[in-house]
Amino acid sequence: MIRLTGIERTFVVGGEMVRALRGVDLHVARGEYLSIMGPSGSGKSTLLNMIGLLDRPNAGTYELDGHDVTALDDDQLARVRREMMGFVFQFFHLVQRLTAAQNIELPMVLAGIDPGERRARLERLLSDYGLADRGGHRPDQLSGGQCQRVAIARAMSMGPSVILADEPTGNLDRRTGQEVMAVLEQVHRDGGTVLLVTHDPEIGSHAKRRLRMVDGAIVSDERVD
């Protein structure tokens, strides 16, 4: 489903060239659950942003669902992200003035989904993620775990093929983090492809496939039964 070949990403920092990704080759099959681990600055988040079409490579090719997406223009990239990708971030990135329900519904509104279909999806998502009694609450009225569940429900609202989670438990206590991981694992059991960036080996160990990155390169790729 995801195939990266020879991906390079460089940045200029303080007048010096920094190679954030160094000839990365990666194939991820549909339905896999993959963690990406490594020290700070190893290229984990850069790789996730590349897979999520939030960044472009300086060299190499990216095939998604059998189509080369390397050279798509900005409008085409936005359409693919909207239709195929769901994003979950450490700091939730919820709209503070909107309720939980409105945050979840927002991608569907922007995509022009019919109001009746939006309501049906919203009710299902609120129920599935244990938020049925929190739909009318704003983010500042929710716990960290509830905010992250809202973020996951929002990420799932368009029925994405891939969920990309960047340190989704990094802003949570351990117990709440485990609850959020259980939600992501249910997404995987339901057939979703989940890619998780984390610095926490315990969180990373939940995945069935574990990558480790150092200095912009994948140095190990372990599969666990």
N, C-alpha and C. Protein backbone atom coordinates (compact mmCIF):
# COMPACT_ATOMS: atom_id res chain seq x y z
N MET A 1 0.82 -1.21 0.00
CA MET A 1 0.00 0.00 0.00
C MET A 1 0.86 1.27 0.00
N ILE A 2 1.88 1.30 0.87
CA ILE A 2 2.82 2.41 0.95
C ILE A 2 4.19 1.89 0.53
N ARG A 3 4.79 2.54 -0.46
CA ARG A 3 6.12 2.11 -0.91
C ARG A 3 7.00 3.34 -1.13
N LEU A 4 8.01 3.47 -0.28
CA LEU A 4 9.00 4.53 -0.42
C LEU A 4 10.28 3.92 -0.97
N THR A 5 10.88 4.59 -1.94
CA THR A 5 12.11 4.09 -2.55
C THR A 5 13.13 5.22 -2.64
N GLY A 6 14.23 5.06 -1.92
CA GLY A 6 15.32 6.02 -1.99
C GLY A 6 14.95 7.43 -1.56
N ILE A 7 14.08 7.54 -0.55
CA ILE A 7 13.59 8.86 -0.14
C ILE A 7 14.68 9.64 0.59
N GLU A 8 14.91 10.86 0.11
CA GLU A 8 15.86 11.79 0.73
C GLU A 8 15.11 13.07 1.10
N ARG A 9 15.45 13.60 2.27
CA ARG A 9 14.91 14.92 2.66
C ARG A 9 16.01 15.71 3.33
N THR A 10 16.30 16.87 2.78
CA THR A 10 17.35 17.72 3.34
C THR A 10 16.77 19.08 3.71
N PHE A 11 17.35 19.68 4.74
CA PHE A 11 16.99 21.01 5.18
C PHE A 11 18.28 21.83 5.33
N VAL A 12 18.15 23.13 5.17
CA VAL A 12 19.27 24.02 5.45
C VAL A 12 19.03 24.65 6.81
N VAL A 13 19.91 24.39 7.77
CA VAL A 13 19.79 24.91 9.13
C VAL A 13 21.07 25.66 9.47
N GLY A 14 20.95 26.95 9.73
CA GLY A 14 22.13 27.74 10.07
C GLY A 14 23.18 27.74 8.99
N GLY A 15 22.72 27.69 7.75
CA GLY A 15 23.66 27.69 6.63
C GLY A 15 24.27 26.35 6.31
N GLU A 16 23.90 25.31 7.07
CA GLU A 16 24.43 23.97 6.85
C GLU A 16 23.33 23.03 6.36
N MET A 17 23.71 22.09 5.49
CA MET A 17 22.77 21.11 4.95
C MET A 17 22.61 19.97 5.95
N VAL A 18 21.36 19.67 6.31
CA VAL A 18 21.04 18.57 7.22
C VAL A 18 20.23 17.53 6.46
N ARG A 19 20.71 16.29 6.46
CA ARG A 19 19.99 15.20 5.78
C ARG A 19 19.06 14.53 6.80
N ALA A 20 17.78 14.92 6.75
CA ALA A 20 16.81 14.39 7.71
C ALA A 20 16.40 12.97 7.37
N LEU A 21 16.36 12.64 6.08
CA LEU A 21 16.10 11.27 5.64
C LEU A 21 17.16 10.89 4.63
N ARG A 22 17.71 9.69 4.77
CA ARG A 22 18.85 9.26 3.96
C ARG A 22 18.51 7.97 3.21
N GLY A 23 18.05 8.09 1.99
CA GLY A 23 17.81 6.92 1.15
C GLY A 23 16.88 5.90 1.76
N VAL A 24 15.74 6.36 2.30
CA VAL A 24 14.82 5.46 3.01
C VAL A 24 14.03 4.62 2.02
N ASP A 25 14.07 3.30 2.23
CA ASP A 25 13.23 2.35 1.50
C ASP A 25 12.27 1.72 2.51
N LEU A 26 10.98 1.73 2.20
CA LEU A 26 9.99 1.19 3.13
C LEU A 26 8.76 0.74 2.37
N HIS A 27 8.29 -0.46 2.70
CA HIS A 27 7.02 -0.97 2.16
C HIS A 27 6.11 -1.32 3.33
N VAL A 28 4.91 -0.76 3.34
CA VAL A 28 3.92 -1.04 4.37
C VAL A 28 2.68 -1.61 3.68
N ALA A 29 2.29 -2.81 4.08
CA ALA A 29 1.11 -3.44 3.49
C ALA A 29 -0.16 -2.93 4.16
N ARG A 30 -1.27 -3.02 3.45
CA ARG A 30 -2.55 -2.61 4.00
C ARG A 30 -2.86 -3.42 5.27
N GLY A 31 -3.31 -2.73 6.31
CA GLY A 31 -3.69 -3.39 7.55
C GLY A 31 -2.57 -3.60 8.53
N GLU A 32 -1.34 -3.16 8.21
CA GLU A 32 -0.23 -3.32 9.15
C GLU A 32 -0.34 -2.32 10.31
N TYR A 33 0.30 -2.69 11.42
CA TYR A 33 0.41 -1.83 12.59
C TYR A 33 1.90 -1.67 12.85
N LEU A 34 2.40 -0.46 12.64
CA LEU A 34 3.83 -0.22 12.58
C LEU A 34 4.21 0.91 13.53
N SER A 35 5.25 0.69 14.35
CA SER A 35 5.79 1.77 15.17
C SER A 35 7.13 2.21 14.61
N ILE A 36 7.40 3.50 14.72
CA ILE A 36 8.66 4.10 14.26
C ILE A 36 9.31 4.74 15.48
N MET A 37 10.47 4.21 15.88
CA MET A 37 11.12 4.66 17.10
C MET A 37 12.54 5.12 16.79
N GLY A 38 13.14 5.80 17.77
CA GLY A 38 14.49 6.30 17.60
C GLY A 38 14.69 7.54 18.44
N PRO A 39 15.93 7.98 18.61
CA PRO A 39 16.21 9.16 19.43
C PRO A 39 15.70 10.44 18.77
N SER A 40 15.65 11.50 19.55
CA SER A 40 15.27 12.81 19.01
C SER A 40 16.19 13.19 17.86
N GLY A 41 15.59 13.68 16.77
CA GLY A 41 16.37 14.07 15.60
C GLY A 41 16.73 12.94 14.67
N SER A 42 16.16 11.77 14.90
CA SER A 42 16.50 10.61 14.07
C SER A 42 15.74 10.59 12.75
N GLY A 43 14.71 11.43 12.60
CA GLY A 43 13.95 11.47 11.35
C GLY A 43 12.58 10.84 11.44
N LYS A 44 12.16 10.44 12.66
CA LYS A 44 10.86 9.76 12.82
C LYS A 44 9.70 10.60 12.30
N SER A 45 9.59 11.81 12.82
CA SER A 45 8.46 12.66 12.44
C SER A 45 8.58 13.11 10.99
N THR A 46 9.80 13.32 10.52
CA THR A 46 9.98 13.69 9.10
C THR A 46 9.47 12.58 8.20
N LEU A 47 9.76 11.34 8.57
CA LEU A 47 9.28 10.20 7.80
C LEU A 47 7.75 10.13 7.83
N LEU A 48 7.17 10.33 9.00
CA LEU A 48 5.71 10.29 9.11
C LEU A 48 5.07 11.40 8.28
N ASN A 49 5.66 12.60 8.32
CA ASN A 49 5.14 13.70 7.51
C ASN A 49 5.25 13.39 6.02
N MET A 50 6.31 12.70 5.63
CA MET A 50 6.48 12.32 4.23
C MET A 50 5.38 11.33 3.82
N ILE A 51 5.15 10.33 4.67
CA ILE A 51 4.11 9.34 4.38
C ILE A 51 2.74 10.01 4.33
N GLY A 52 2.52 10.99 5.21
CA GLY A 52 1.23 11.68 5.27
C GLY A 52 1.07 12.78 4.24
N LEU A 53 2.03 12.92 3.33
CA LEU A 53 1.98 13.91 2.26
C LEU A 53 1.93 15.34 2.79
N LEU A 54 2.51 15.54 3.98
CA LEU A 54 2.65 16.87 4.53
C LEU A 54 3.99 17.50 4.14
N ASP A 55 4.86 16.70 3.54
CA ASP A 55 6.18 17.16 3.11
C ASP A 55 6.53 16.44 1.82
N ARG A 56 7.48 16.98 1.10
CA ARG A 56 7.90 16.41 -0.18
C ARG A 56 9.36 15.98 -0.10
N PRO A 57 9.73 14.89 -0.76
CA PRO A 57 11.14 14.47 -0.75
C PRO A 57 11.97 15.29 -1.72
N ASN A 58 13.27 15.39 -1.44
CA ASN A 58 14.21 15.98 -2.39
C ASN A 58 14.63 14.99 -3.45
N ALA A 59 14.50 13.71 -3.13
CA ALA A 59 14.83 12.65 -4.09
C ALA A 59 14.09 11.39 -3.67
N GLY A 60 13.91 10.47 -4.63
CA GLY A 60 13.22 9.23 -4.36
C GLY A 60 11.78 9.26 -4.85
N THR A 61 11.07 8.15 -4.69
CA THR A 61 9.69 8.04 -5.14
C THR A 61 8.80 7.49 -4.02
N TYR A 62 7.54 7.90 -4.07
CA TYR A 62 6.54 7.46 -3.11
C TYR A 62 5.33 6.97 -3.88
N GLU A 63 5.02 5.68 -3.71
CA GLU A 63 3.82 5.10 -4.31
C GLU A 63 2.81 4.80 -3.21
N LEU A 64 1.58 5.24 -3.42
CA LEU A 64 0.49 5.03 -2.47
C LEU A 64 -0.65 4.33 -3.19
N ASP A 65 -1.00 3.16 -2.72
CA ASP A 65 -2.05 2.37 -3.37
C ASP A 65 -1.77 2.16 -4.85
N GLY A 66 -0.49 1.98 -5.18
CA GLY A 66 -0.10 1.69 -6.56
C GLY A 66 0.05 2.91 -7.45
N HIS A 67 -0.14 4.10 -6.89
CA HIS A 67 -0.02 5.33 -7.69
C HIS A 67 1.16 6.15 -7.20
N ASP A 68 1.94 6.69 -8.13
CA ASP A 68 3.07 7.54 -7.78
C ASP A 68 2.53 8.91 -7.37
N VAL A 69 2.74 9.26 -6.09
CA VAL A 69 2.23 10.53 -5.58
C VAL A 69 3.36 11.55 -5.38
N THR A 70 4.57 11.21 -5.83
CA THR A 70 5.74 12.05 -5.57
C THR A 70 5.59 13.45 -6.15
N ALA A 71 5.03 13.55 -7.35
CA ALA A 71 5.02 14.83 -8.06
C ALA A 71 3.64 15.48 -8.13
N LEU A 72 2.70 15.04 -7.29
CA LEU A 72 1.38 15.66 -7.30
C LEU A 72 1.47 17.12 -6.88
N ASP A 73 0.56 17.94 -7.42
CA ASP A 73 0.56 19.35 -7.01
C ASP A 73 -0.17 19.49 -5.67
N ASP A 74 -0.18 20.70 -5.12
CA ASP A 74 -0.70 20.90 -3.77
C ASP A 74 -2.18 20.52 -3.66
N ASP A 75 -2.98 20.86 -4.66
CA ASP A 75 -4.40 20.53 -4.62
C ASP A 75 -4.61 19.02 -4.66
N GLN A 76 -3.83 18.33 -5.49
CA GLN A 76 -3.94 16.88 -5.57
C GLN A 76 -3.51 16.23 -4.26
N LEU A 77 -2.45 16.73 -3.66
CA LEU A 77 -1.99 16.20 -2.37
C LEU A 77 -3.06 16.40 -1.30
N ALA A 78 -3.69 17.56 -1.28
CA ALA A 78 -4.73 17.83 -0.29
C ALA A 78 -5.90 16.87 -0.45
N ARG A 79 -6.26 16.55 -1.68
CA ARG A 79 -7.36 15.63 -1.92
C ARG A 79 -7.02 14.22 -1.44
N VAL A 80 -5.79 13.77 -1.72
CA VAL A 80 -5.37 12.44 -1.28
C VAL A 80 -5.33 12.37 0.24
N ARG A 81 -4.79 13.42 0.88
CA ARG A 81 -4.77 13.44 2.35
C ARG A 81 -6.17 13.36 2.91
N ARG A 82 -7.09 14.14 2.34
CA ARG A 82 -8.46 14.18 2.84
C ARG A 82 -9.14 12.82 2.70
N GLU A 83 -8.88 12.14 1.60
CA GLU A 83 -9.58 10.89 1.31
C GLU A 83 -8.94 9.67 1.94
N MET A 84 -7.62 9.72 2.21
CA MET A 84 -6.92 8.50 2.60
C MET A 84 -6.21 8.55 3.94
N MET A 85 -5.96 9.76 4.49
CA MET A 85 -5.12 9.89 5.67
C MET A 85 -5.91 10.44 6.86
N GLY A 86 -5.61 9.90 8.03
CA GLY A 86 -6.12 10.47 9.28
C GLY A 86 -4.93 10.75 10.18
N PHE A 87 -4.90 11.93 10.81
CA PHE A 87 -3.75 12.36 11.60
C PHE A 87 -4.12 12.53 13.07
N VAL A 88 -3.24 12.01 13.94
CA VAL A 88 -3.40 12.16 15.39
C VAL A 88 -2.08 12.71 15.93
N PHE A 89 -2.15 13.84 16.66
CA PHE A 89 -0.94 14.51 17.12
C PHE A 89 -0.85 14.52 18.65
N GLN A 90 0.34 14.79 19.15
CA GLN A 90 0.59 14.81 20.59
C GLN A 90 -0.28 15.85 21.30
N PHE A 91 -0.44 17.02 20.70
CA PHE A 91 -1.14 18.12 21.36
C PHE A 91 -2.55 18.32 20.83
N PHE A 92 -3.12 17.26 20.25
CA PHE A 92 -4.53 17.16 19.87
C PHE A 92 -4.91 18.06 18.69
N HIS A 93 -4.51 19.34 18.69
CA HIS A 93 -4.84 20.29 17.63
C HIS A 93 -6.36 20.37 17.40
N LEU A 94 -7.11 20.42 18.48
CA LEU A 94 -8.54 20.64 18.38
C LEU A 94 -8.83 22.15 18.31
N VAL A 95 -9.94 22.50 17.67
CA VAL A 95 -10.36 23.90 17.61
C VAL A 95 -11.05 24.22 18.93
N GLN A 96 -10.46 25.12 19.71
CA GLN A 96 -10.89 25.33 21.10
C GLN A 96 -12.31 25.90 21.20
N ARG A 97 -12.75 26.66 20.22
CA ARG A 97 -14.07 27.27 20.32
C ARG A 97 -15.19 26.33 19.87
N LEU A 98 -14.81 25.17 19.31
CA LEU A 98 -15.81 24.21 18.86
C LEU A 98 -16.00 23.12 19.90
N THR A 99 -17.19 22.53 19.93
CA THR A 99 -17.44 21.40 20.80
C THR A 99 -16.75 20.15 20.26
N ALA A 100 -16.74 19.10 21.09
CA ALA A 100 -16.16 17.83 20.64
C ALA A 100 -16.85 17.36 19.37
N ALA A 101 -18.18 17.41 19.35
CA ALA A 101 -18.93 16.97 18.17
C ALA A 101 -18.57 17.81 16.95
N GLN A 102 -18.46 19.11 17.12
CA GLN A 102 -18.13 19.99 15.99
C GLN A 102 -16.71 19.75 15.49
N ASN A 103 -15.77 19.46 16.39
CA ASN A 103 -14.42 19.12 15.98
C ASN A 103 -14.39 17.85 15.14
N ILE A 104 -15.14 16.85 15.58
CA ILE A 104 -15.19 15.58 14.84
C ILE A 104 -15.83 15.78 13.48
N GLU A 105 -16.85 16.62 13.43
CA GLU A 105 -17.62 16.83 12.20
C GLU A 105 -16.88 17.72 11.19
N LEU A 106 -15.91 18.51 11.67
CA LEU A 106 -15.29 19.53 10.82
C LEU A 106 -14.74 19.00 9.50
N PRO A 107 -13.97 17.89 9.47
CA PRO A 107 -13.48 17.40 8.16
C PRO A 107 -14.61 17.05 7.20
N MET A 108 -15.72 16.55 7.73
CA MET A 108 -16.85 16.20 6.87
C MET A 108 -17.51 17.44 6.31
N VAL A 109 -17.58 18.51 7.11
CA VAL A 109 -18.14 19.78 6.62
C VAL A 109 -17.26 20.32 5.49
N LEU A 110 -15.94 20.31 5.71
CA LEU A 110 -15.02 20.84 4.70
C LEU A 110 -15.05 20.02 3.42
N ALA A 111 -15.35 18.72 3.56
CA ALA A 111 -15.40 17.85 2.38
C ALA A 111 -16.75 17.90 1.68
N GLY A 112 -17.71 18.63 2.25
CA GLY A 112 -19.02 18.76 1.62
C GLY A 112 -19.90 17.54 1.75
N ILE A 113 -19.69 16.75 2.81
CA ILE A 113 -20.53 15.56 3.04
C ILE A 113 -21.96 16.02 3.35
N ASP A 114 -22.94 15.30 2.81
CA ASP A 114 -24.35 15.61 3.04
C ASP A 114 -24.66 15.66 4.54
N PRO A 115 -25.44 16.66 4.99
CA PRO A 115 -25.71 16.80 6.43
C PRO A 115 -26.28 15.54 7.09
N GLY A 116 -27.16 14.83 6.40
CA GLY A 116 -27.71 13.61 6.96
C GLY A 116 -26.64 12.54 7.17
N GLU A 117 -25.77 12.39 6.20
CA GLU A 117 -24.67 11.44 6.33
C GLU A 117 -23.71 11.88 7.43
N ARG A 118 -23.46 13.19 7.53
CA ARG A 118 -22.59 13.70 8.60
C ARG A 118 -23.14 13.33 9.97
N ARG A 119 -24.43 13.56 10.17
CA ARG A 119 -25.03 13.27 11.47
C ARG A 119 -24.92 11.79 11.82
N ALA A 120 -25.16 10.93 10.83
CA ALA A 120 -25.09 9.50 11.08
C ALA A 120 -23.67 9.08 11.45
N ARG A 121 -22.69 9.59 10.71
CA ARG A 121 -21.29 9.27 11.02
C ARG A 121 -20.91 9.81 12.40
N LEU A 122 -21.33 11.04 12.69
CA LEU A 122 -20.98 11.67 13.96
C LEU A 122 -21.53 10.87 15.13
N GLU A 123 -22.79 10.48 15.06
CA GLU A 123 -23.38 9.70 16.15
C GLU A 123 -22.63 8.38 16.35
N ARG A 124 -22.25 7.75 15.26
CA ARG A 124 -21.52 6.49 15.36
C ARG A 124 -20.14 6.70 15.98
N LEU A 125 -19.44 7.76 15.57
CA LEU A 125 -18.11 8.03 16.10
C LEU A 125 -18.15 8.40 17.58
N LEU A 126 -19.12 9.23 17.97
CA LEU A 126 -19.25 9.58 19.38
C LEU A 126 -19.49 8.34 20.23
N SER A 127 -20.31 7.44 19.73
CA SER A 127 -20.58 6.19 20.45
C SER A 127 -19.36 5.28 20.48
N ASP A 128 -18.72 5.10 19.32
CA ASP A 128 -17.59 4.18 19.22
C ASP A 128 -16.42 4.59 20.11
N TYR A 129 -16.23 5.89 20.31
CA TYR A 129 -15.08 6.36 21.07
C TYR A 129 -15.43 6.86 22.46
N GLY A 130 -16.58 6.40 22.97
CA GLY A 130 -16.97 6.69 24.35
C GLY A 130 -17.19 8.15 24.64
N LEU A 131 -17.74 8.88 23.66
CA LEU A 131 -17.90 10.32 23.80
C LEU A 131 -19.35 10.77 23.68
N ALA A 132 -20.27 9.81 23.77
CA ALA A 132 -21.68 10.14 23.55
C ALA A 132 -22.19 11.20 24.52
N ASP A 133 -21.64 11.23 25.74
CA ASP A 133 -22.08 12.22 26.72
C ASP A 133 -21.15 13.43 26.79
N ARG A 134 -20.22 13.54 25.83
CA ARG A 134 -19.26 14.65 25.83
C ARG A 134 -19.31 15.47 24.53
N GLY A 135 -20.24 15.17 23.66
CA GLY A 135 -20.29 15.83 22.37
C GLY A 135 -20.47 17.33 22.45
N GLY A 136 -21.16 17.81 23.48
CA GLY A 136 -21.42 19.24 23.61
C GLY A 136 -20.37 19.99 24.40
N HIS A 137 -19.30 19.30 24.82
CA HIS A 137 -18.25 19.93 25.62
C HIS A 137 -17.13 20.46 24.73
N ARG A 138 -16.58 21.63 25.08
CA ARG A 138 -15.41 22.15 24.39
C ARG A 138 -14.15 21.47 24.92
N PRO A 139 -13.04 21.55 24.18
CA PRO A 139 -11.81 20.89 24.62
C PRO A 139 -11.37 21.26 26.03
N ASP A 140 -11.59 22.53 26.45
CA ASP A 140 -11.16 22.93 27.79
C ASP A 140 -12.04 22.35 28.89
N GLN A 141 -13.10 21.66 28.48
CA GLN A 141 -13.98 20.99 29.44
C GLN A 141 -13.78 19.47 29.43
N LEU A 142 -12.76 19.01 28.72
CA LEU A 142 -12.49 17.58 28.59
C LEU A 142 -11.13 17.25 29.18
N SER A 143 -10.96 15.99 29.60
CA SER A 143 -9.66 15.51 30.05
C SER A 143 -8.74 15.31 28.85
N GLY A 144 -7.43 15.11 29.13
CA GLY A 144 -6.49 14.86 28.04
C GLY A 144 -6.86 13.62 27.25
N GLY A 145 -7.24 12.56 27.93
CA GLY A 145 -7.63 11.34 27.24
C GLY A 145 -8.85 11.53 26.37
N GLN A 146 -9.83 12.29 26.89
CA GLN A 146 -11.02 12.56 26.09
C GLN A 146 -10.69 13.41 24.87
N CYS A 147 -9.80 14.39 25.04
CA CYS A 147 -9.39 15.21 23.88
C CYS A 147 -8.72 14.35 22.82
N GLN A 148 -7.88 13.40 23.23
CA GLN A 148 -7.21 12.56 22.25
C GLN A 148 -8.21 11.62 21.57
N ARG A 149 -9.22 11.17 22.30
CA ARG A 149 -10.25 10.34 21.66
C ARG A 149 -11.05 11.17 20.66
N VAL A 150 -11.31 12.44 20.97
CA VAL A 150 -11.95 13.32 20.00
C VAL A 150 -11.07 13.44 18.76
N ALA A 151 -9.76 13.60 18.97
CA ALA A 151 -8.84 13.73 17.84
C ALA A 151 -8.82 12.48 16.98
N ILE A 152 -8.88 11.30 17.63
CA ILE A 152 -8.90 10.04 16.86
C ILE A 152 -10.21 9.91 16.11
N ALA A 153 -11.32 10.25 16.77
CA ALA A 153 -12.61 10.19 16.08
C ALA A 153 -12.63 11.13 14.89
N ARG A 154 -12.06 12.33 15.05
CA ARG A 154 -11.96 13.27 13.92
C ARG A 154 -11.12 12.67 12.80
N ALA A 155 -10.01 12.03 13.16
CA ALA A 155 -9.15 11.41 12.16
C ALA A 155 -9.88 10.30 11.40
N MET A 156 -10.82 9.63 12.06
CA MET A 156 -11.54 8.52 11.44
C MET A 156 -12.79 8.97 10.68
N SER A 157 -13.14 10.25 10.78
CA SER A 157 -14.44 10.71 10.28
C SER A 157 -14.61 10.55 8.77
N MET A 158 -13.50 10.58 8.02
CA MET A 158 -13.58 10.45 6.57
C MET A 158 -13.28 9.02 6.10
N GLY A 159 -13.21 8.08 7.04
CA GLY A 159 -12.95 6.69 6.65
C GLY A 159 -11.60 6.49 6.01
N PRO A 160 -10.51 6.97 6.65
CA PRO A 160 -9.20 6.91 6.01
C PRO A 160 -8.66 5.50 5.89
N SER A 161 -7.76 5.30 4.93
CA SER A 161 -7.07 4.03 4.79
C SER A 161 -5.91 3.91 5.76
N VAL A 162 -5.33 5.07 6.16
CA VAL A 162 -4.12 5.09 6.98
C VAL A 162 -4.32 6.08 8.13
N ILE A 163 -3.96 5.65 9.35
CA ILE A 163 -3.92 6.53 10.50
C ILE A 163 -2.45 6.77 10.85
N LEU A 164 -2.05 8.04 10.94
CA LEU A 164 -0.69 8.43 11.27
C LEU A 164 -0.72 9.12 12.63
N ALA A 165 -0.06 8.53 13.62
CA ALA A 165 -0.10 9.05 14.98
C ALA A 165 1.31 9.44 15.41
N ASP A 166 1.50 10.73 15.70
CA ASP A 166 2.82 11.25 16.09
C ASP A 166 2.82 11.53 17.59
N GLU A 167 3.48 10.66 18.36
CA GLU A 167 3.56 10.76 19.82
C GLU A 167 2.17 10.97 20.42
N PRO A 168 1.19 10.10 20.12
CA PRO A 168 -0.18 10.35 20.57
C PRO A 168 -0.37 10.27 22.08
N THR A 169 0.59 9.66 22.80
CA THR A 169 0.47 9.57 24.26
C THR A 169 1.45 10.50 24.96
N GLY A 170 2.21 11.30 24.20
CA GLY A 170 3.29 12.09 24.77
C GLY A 170 2.82 13.16 25.74
N ASN A 171 1.55 13.57 25.65
CA ASN A 171 1.03 14.63 26.51
C ASN A 171 0.08 14.08 27.57
N LEU A 172 0.15 12.75 27.79
CA LEU A 172 -0.80 12.09 28.69
C LEU A 172 -0.07 11.32 29.78
N ASP A 173 -0.74 11.12 30.92
CA ASP A 173 -0.16 10.24 31.93
C ASP A 173 -0.23 8.80 31.41
N ARG A 174 0.51 7.90 32.10
CA ARG A 174 0.66 6.54 31.58
C ARG A 174 -0.66 5.80 31.46
N ARG A 175 -1.52 5.91 32.47
CA ARG A 175 -2.79 5.19 32.42
C ARG A 175 -3.65 5.68 31.26
N THR A 176 -3.73 7.00 31.12
CA THR A 176 -4.53 7.56 30.03
C THR A 176 -3.91 7.20 28.68
N GLY A 177 -2.57 7.20 28.64
CA GLY A 177 -1.89 6.81 27.41
C GLY A 177 -2.23 5.39 27.00
N GLN A 178 -2.32 4.49 27.97
CA GLN A 178 -2.68 3.11 27.66
C GLN A 178 -4.11 3.03 27.11
N GLU A 179 -4.99 3.88 27.63
CA GLU A 179 -6.37 3.89 27.12
C GLU A 179 -6.40 4.37 25.67
N VAL A 180 -5.59 5.38 25.36
CA VAL A 180 -5.53 5.87 23.98
C VAL A 180 -4.94 4.81 23.06
N MET A 181 -3.91 4.09 23.54
CA MET A 181 -3.33 3.01 22.74
C MET A 181 -4.37 1.93 22.45
N ALA A 182 -5.22 1.65 23.42
CA ALA A 182 -6.27 0.64 23.20
C ALA A 182 -7.21 1.08 22.08
N VAL A 183 -7.47 2.39 21.99
CA VAL A 183 -8.33 2.91 20.92
C VAL A 183 -7.65 2.72 19.56
N LEU A 184 -6.35 3.05 19.49
CA LEU A 184 -5.63 2.87 18.23
C LEU A 184 -5.54 1.41 17.83
N GLU A 185 -5.38 0.53 18.82
CA GLU A 185 -5.32 -0.90 18.51
C GLU A 185 -6.65 -1.41 17.99
N GLN A 186 -7.75 -0.82 18.46
CA GLN A 186 -9.06 -1.21 17.94
C GLN A 186 -9.19 -0.77 16.48
N VAL A 187 -8.65 0.42 16.16
CA VAL A 187 -8.64 0.87 14.76
C VAL A 187 -7.92 -0.16 13.90
N HIS A 188 -6.80 -0.66 14.39
CA HIS A 188 -6.05 -1.69 13.66
C HIS A 188 -6.86 -2.98 13.53
N ARG A 189 -7.46 -3.42 14.61
CA ARG A 189 -8.26 -4.66 14.55
C ARG A 189 -9.43 -4.53 13.59
N ASP A 190 -9.92 -3.32 13.42
CA ASP A 190 -11.03 -3.07 12.49
C ASP A 190 -10.54 -2.98 11.04
N GLY A 191 -9.24 -3.19 10.82
CA GLY A 191 -8.72 -3.24 9.46
C GLY A 191 -7.90 -2.03 9.04
N GLY A 192 -7.72 -1.06 9.94
CA GLY A 192 -6.98 0.13 9.59
C GLY A 192 -5.48 -0.11 9.57
N THR A 193 -4.79 0.66 8.73
CA THR A 193 -3.33 0.68 8.70
C THR A 193 -2.87 1.79 9.65
N VAL A 194 -2.09 1.43 10.66
CA VAL A 194 -1.70 2.39 11.70
C VAL A 194 -0.18 2.53 11.73
N LEU A 195 0.32 3.76 11.60
CA LEU A 195 1.73 4.07 11.74
C LEU A 195 1.89 5.02 12.92
N LEU A 196 2.71 4.61 13.87
CA LEU A 196 2.84 5.30 15.15
C LEU A 196 4.28 5.71 15.38
N VAL A 197 4.51 7.01 15.59
CA VAL A 197 5.83 7.50 15.99
C VAL A 197 5.84 7.66 17.50
N THR A 198 6.87 7.13 18.16
CA THR A 198 6.99 7.27 19.61
C THR A 198 8.44 7.17 20.02
N HIS A 199 8.77 7.85 21.12
CA HIS A 199 10.10 7.70 21.72
C HIS A 199 10.07 6.68 22.86
N ASP A 200 8.86 6.18 23.18
CA ASP A 200 8.66 5.30 24.33
C ASP A 200 8.66 3.85 23.87
N PRO A 201 9.68 3.05 24.24
CA PRO A 201 9.74 1.65 23.80
C PRO A 201 8.53 0.84 24.22
N GLU A 202 7.96 1.15 25.38
CA GLU A 202 6.78 0.40 25.83
C GLU A 202 5.60 0.65 24.92
N ILE A 203 5.41 1.91 24.52
CA ILE A 203 4.32 2.23 23.59
C ILE A 203 4.61 1.59 22.23
N GLY A 204 5.86 1.69 21.77
CA GLY A 204 6.22 1.11 20.49
C GLY A 204 6.06 -0.38 20.42
N SER A 205 6.18 -1.04 21.58
CA SER A 205 6.11 -2.51 21.61
C SER A 205 4.71 -3.03 21.35
N HIS A 206 3.70 -2.15 21.37
CA HIS A 206 2.33 -2.57 21.05
C HIS A 206 2.21 -2.98 19.58
N ALA A 207 3.06 -2.43 18.72
CA ALA A 207 2.95 -2.66 17.28
C ALA A 207 3.48 -4.03 16.90
N LYS A 208 2.95 -4.58 15.83
CA LYS A 208 3.39 -5.88 15.33
C LYS A 208 4.65 -5.77 14.48
N ARG A 209 4.95 -4.56 14.05
CA ARG A 209 6.18 -4.32 13.27
C ARG A 209 6.82 -3.05 13.82
N ARG A 210 8.15 -3.10 14.05
CA ARG A 210 8.82 -2.01 14.75
C ARG A 210 10.06 -1.58 13.98
N LEU A 211 10.05 -0.32 13.56
CA LEU A 211 11.21 0.26 12.91
C LEU A 211 12.00 1.08 13.92
N ARG A 212 13.32 1.10 13.74
CA ARG A 212 14.16 2.00 14.52
C ARG A 212 14.97 2.84 13.56
N MET A 213 14.99 4.17 13.84
CA MET A 213 15.70 5.10 12.98
C MET A 213 16.85 5.76 13.75
N VAL A 214 17.94 5.98 13.04
CA VAL A 214 19.08 6.72 13.57
C VAL A 214 19.62 7.58 12.43
N ASP A 215 19.80 8.87 12.70
CA ASP A 215 20.40 9.79 11.72
C ASP A 215 19.74 9.72 10.35
N GLY A 216 18.41 9.65 10.34
CA GLY A 216 17.66 9.72 9.09
C GLY A 216 17.56 8.43 8.30
N ALA A 217 18.05 7.33 8.88
CA ALA A 217 18.02 6.04 8.18
C ALA A 217 17.32 4.99 9.05
N ILE A 218 16.67 4.04 8.40
CA ILE A 218 16.09 2.90 9.12
C ILE A 218 17.20 1.89 9.39
N VAL A 219 17.48 1.62 10.67
CA VAL A 219 18.59 0.73 11.02
C VAL A 219 18.10 -0.65 11.46
N SER A 220 16.79 -0.78 11.76
CA SER A 220 16.25 -2.11 12.06
C SER A 220 14.77 -2.13 11.73
N ASP A 221 14.28 -3.30 11.38
CA ASP A 221 12.89 -3.51 10.98
C ASP A 221 12.49 -4.88 11.51
N GLU A 222 11.78 -4.90 12.65
CA GLU A 222 11.47 -6.14 13.37
C GLU A 222 9.99 -6.43 13.30
N ARG A 223 9.67 -7.66 12.97
CA ARG A 223 8.28 -8.13 12.97
C ARG A 223 8.06 -9.07 14.12
N VAL A 224 6.92 -8.92 14.82
CA VAL A 224 6.61 -9.73 15.99
C VAL A 224 5.29 -10.43 15.76
N ASP A 225 5.25 -11.74 15.99
CA ASP A 225 4.01 -12.50 15.82
C ASP A 225 3.04 -12.15 16.96
